[in-house]
Amino acid sequence: SVESGQTDDEITRRWIIVLSLALPTFHLAGIALSVRRRRELIEHFTHRHLSTACAEAIVEDVDACKQLLMNIFPPQVLSQLLDRDALQMPSGELRGIVVAQQF
């Protein structure tokens, strides 16, 4: 140290200055990362809650549609309508229009 013309006190002072600038910078970076992570977790929770509510509504709608179909069609016709393999055409298209016109 003496060869470069700096005393031990000057080197110590420079290290104190560097650390006094670096530590708050690292601390602020850590706070920013923590805030971002917390925000992402809250967004994930909100999305999951909304998705669960939508899924429950879809299940209720499907049950209501099934009940409606059971009220409209006799059991033998309903079983044919619900059988997807019977509705498949060789090309892979559903022949729902033909079935609907037939019944």
C-alpha atoms as a PDB file:
ATOM      1  CA  SER A   1       0.000   0.000   0.000  1.00  0.00           C
ATOM      2  CA  VAL A   2       2.804   2.353   0.832  1.00  0.00           C
ATOM      3  CA  GLU A   3       4.318   1.725  -2.605  1.00  0.00           C
ATOM      4  CA  SER A   4       1.226   3.189  -4.327  1.00  0.00           C
ATOM      5  CA  GLY A   5       1.419   6.268  -2.187  1.00  0.00           C
ATOM      6  CA  GLN A   6      -1.687   5.514  -0.089  1.00  0.00           C
ATOM      7  CA  THR A   7      -1.711   5.015   3.637  1.00  0.00           C
ATOM      8  CA  ASP A   8      -3.742   2.400   5.414  1.00  0.00           C
ATOM      9  CA  ASP A   9      -6.109   5.113   6.656  1.00  0.00           C
ATOM     10  CA  GLU A  10      -6.834   6.277   3.100  1.00  0.00           C
ATOM     11  CA  ILE A  11      -7.514   2.704   1.939  1.00  0.00           C
ATOM     12  CA  THR A  12      -9.789   2.118   4.899  1.00  0.00           C
ATOM     13  CA  ARG A  13     -11.659   5.348   4.192  1.00  0.00           C
ATOM     14  CA  ARG A  14     -12.157   4.353   0.536  1.00  0.00           C
ATOM     15  CA  TRP A  15     -13.494   0.936   1.565  1.00  0.00           C
ATOM     16  CA  ILE A  16     -15.894   2.586   3.979  1.00  0.00           C
ATOM     17  CA  ILE A  17     -17.152   4.868   1.189  1.00  0.00           C
ATOM     18  CA  VAL A  18     -17.536   1.955  -1.243  1.00  0.00           C
ATOM     19  CA  LEU A  19     -19.384  -0.173   1.307  1.00  0.00           C
ATOM     20  CA  SER A  20     -21.566   2.737   2.438  1.00  0.00           C
ATOM     21  CA  LEU A  21     -22.709   3.110  -1.204  1.00  0.00           C
ATOM     22  CA  ALA A  22     -22.888  -0.593  -2.101  1.00  0.00           C
ATOM     23  CA  LEU A  23     -24.829  -1.887   0.906  1.00  0.00           C
ATOM     24  CA  PRO A  24     -27.833   0.465   0.529  1.00  0.00           C
ATOM     25  CA  THR A  25     -27.851  -0.254  -3.222  1.00  0.00           C
ATOM     26  CA  PHE A  26     -27.969  -4.024  -2.612  1.00  0.00           C
ATOM     27  CA  HIS A  27     -30.590  -3.515   0.078  1.00  0.00           C
ATOM     28  CA  LEU A  28     -32.822  -1.491  -2.272  1.00  0.00           C
ATOM     29  CA  ALA A  29     -32.374  -4.112  -5.010  1.00  0.00           C
ATOM     30  CA  GLY A  30     -33.464  -6.808  -2.536  1.00  0.00           C
ATOM     31  CA  ILE A  31     -36.518  -4.790  -1.540  1.00  0.00           C
ATOM     32  CA  ALA A  32     -37.454  -4.293  -5.212  1.00  0.00           C
ATOM     33  CA  LEU A  33     -37.186  -8.039  -5.880  1.00  0.00           C
ATOM     34  CA  SER A  34     -39.239  -8.826  -2.797  1.00  0.00           C
ATOM     35  CA  VAL A  35     -41.980  -6.379  -3.789  1.00  0.00           C
ATOM     36  CA  ARG A  36     -42.077  -7.803  -7.325  1.00  0.00           C
ATOM     37  CA  ARG A  37     -42.313 -11.370  -6.027  1.00  0.00           C
ATOM     38  CA  ARG A  38     -45.113 -10.420  -3.620  1.00  0.00           C
ATOM     39  CA  ARG A  39     -47.017  -8.682  -6.440  1.00  0.00           C
ATOM     40  CA  GLU A  40     -46.650 -11.752  -8.671  1.00  0.00           C
ATOM     41  CA  LEU A  41     -47.919 -14.027  -5.879  1.00  0.00           C
ATOM     42  CA  ILE A  42     -50.949 -11.784  -5.330  1.00  0.00           C
ATOM     43  CA  GLU A  43     -51.665 -11.777  -9.084  1.00  0.00           C
ATOM     44  CA  HIS A  44     -51.350 -15.586  -9.137  1.00  0.00           C
ATOM     45  CA  PHE A  45     -53.742 -15.927  -6.197  1.00  0.00           C
ATOM     46  CA  THR A  46     -56.252 -13.576  -7.838  1.00  0.00           C
ATOM     47  CA  HIS A  47     -56.067 -15.450 -11.150  1.00  0.00           C
ATOM     48  CA  ARG A  48     -56.455 -18.809  -9.410  1.00  0.00           C
ATOM     49  CA  HIS A  49     -59.457 -17.577  -7.429  1.00  0.00           C
ATOM     50  CA  LEU A  50     -61.094 -16.210 -10.605  1.00  0.00           C
ATOM     51  CA  SER A  51     -60.351 -19.430 -12.525  1.00  0.00           C
ATOM     52  CA  THR A  52     -61.922 -21.516  -9.773  1.00  0.00           C
ATOM     53  CA  ALA A  53     -65.047 -19.357  -9.793  1.00  0.00           C
ATOM     54  CA  CYS A  54     -65.297 -19.625 -13.594  1.00  0.00           C
ATOM     55  CA  ALA A  55     -64.807 -23.397 -13.483  1.00  0.00           C
ATOM     56  CA  GLU A  56     -67.597 -23.736 -10.921  1.00  0.00           C
ATOM     57  CA  ALA A  57     -69.913 -21.657 -13.123  1.00  0.00           C
ATOM     58  CA  ILE A  58     -69.049 -23.830 -16.134  1.00  0.00           C
ATOM     59  CA  VAL A  59     -69.822 -27.016 -14.186  1.00  0.00           C
ATOM     60  CA  GLU A  60     -73.181 -25.561 -13.141  1.00  0.00           C
ATOM     61  CA  ASP A  61     -73.966 -24.609 -16.757  1.00  0.00           C
ATOM     62  CA  VAL A  62     -73.026 -28.077 -18.021  1.00  0.00           C
ATOM     63  CA  ASP A  63     -75.264 -29.698 -15.399  1.00  0.00           C
ATOM     64  CA  ALA A  64     -78.118 -27.374 -16.371  1.00  0.00           C
ATOM     65  CA  CYS A  65     -77.639 -28.218 -20.069  1.00  0.00           C
ATOM     66  CA  LYS A  66     -77.633 -31.947 -19.304  1.00  0.00           C
ATOM     67  CA  GLN A  67     -80.847 -31.542 -17.330  1.00  0.00           C
ATOM     68  CA  LEU A  68     -82.396 -29.569 -20.184  1.00  0.00           C
ATOM     69  CA  LEU A  69     -81.462 -32.273 -22.692  1.00  0.00           C
ATOM     70  CA  MET A  70     -82.914 -34.940 -20.392  1.00  0.00           C
ATOM     71  CA  ASN A  71     -86.164 -32.958 -20.235  1.00  0.00           C
ATOM     72  CA  ILE A  72     -86.365 -32.503 -24.018  1.00  0.00           C
ATOM     73  CA  PHE A  73     -85.268 -35.841 -25.485  1.00  0.00           C
ATOM     74  CA  PRO A  74     -86.388 -39.376 -24.621  1.00  0.00           C
ATOM     75  CA  PRO A  75     -83.622 -41.551 -23.093  1.00  0.00           C
ATOM     76  CA  GLN A  76     -82.917 -43.566 -26.268  1.00  0.00           C
ATOM     77  CA  VAL A  77     -82.479 -40.410 -28.366  1.00  0.00           C
ATOM     78  CA  LEU A  78     -80.384 -38.724 -25.672  1.00  0.00           C
ATOM     79  CA  SER A  79     -78.030 -41.691 -25.493  1.00  0.00           C
ATOM     80  CA  GLN A  80     -77.499 -41.454 -29.273  1.00  0.00           C
ATOM     81  CA  LEU A  81     -76.866 -37.718 -29.068  1.00  0.00           C
ATOM     82  CA  LEU A  82     -74.350 -38.096 -26.264  1.00  0.00           C
ATOM     83  CA  ASP A  83     -72.463 -40.889 -28.039  1.00  0.00           C
ATOM     84  CA  ARG A  84     -69.688 -38.936 -29.821  1.00  0.00           C
ATOM     85  CA  ASP A  85     -68.495 -42.016 -31.728  1.00  0.00           C
ATOM     86  CA  ALA A  86     -71.913 -42.396 -33.353  1.00  0.00           C
ATOM     87  CA  LEU A  87     -71.775 -38.744 -34.430  1.00  0.00           C
ATOM     88  CA  GLN A  88     -68.342 -39.013 -36.059  1.00  0.00           C
ATOM     89  CA  MET A  89     -68.221 -39.116 -39.831  1.00  0.00           C
ATOM     90  CA  PRO A  90     -65.308 -40.885 -41.574  1.00  0.00           C
ATOM     91  CA  SER A  91     -63.751 -37.485 -42.319  1.00  0.00           C
ATOM     92  CA  GLY A  92     -63.675 -36.725 -38.593  1.00  0.00           C
ATOM     93  CA  GLU A  93     -66.441 -34.125 -38.718  1.00  0.00           C
ATOM     94  CA  LEU A  94     -69.409 -34.328 -36.389  1.00  0.00           C
ATOM     95  CA  ARG A  95     -72.687 -35.038 -38.127  1.00  0.00           C
ATOM     96  CA  GLY A  96     -74.681 -33.112 -35.527  1.00  0.00           C
ATOM     97  CA  ILE A  97     -76.755 -31.288 -38.122  1.00  0.00           C
ATOM     98  CA  VAL A  98     -77.899 -34.567 -39.663  1.00  0.00           C
ATOM     99  CA  VAL A  99     -78.720 -36.029 -36.244  1.00  0.00           C
ATOM    100  CA  ALA A 100     -80.587 -32.892 -35.226  1.00  0.00           C
ATOM    101  CA  GLN A 101     -82.664 -32.952 -38.404  1.00  0.00           C
ATOM    102  CA  GLN A 102     -83.347 -36.661 -37.924  1.00  0.00           C
ATOM    103  CA  PHE A 103     -84.842 -36.161 -34.463  1.00  0.00           C
END
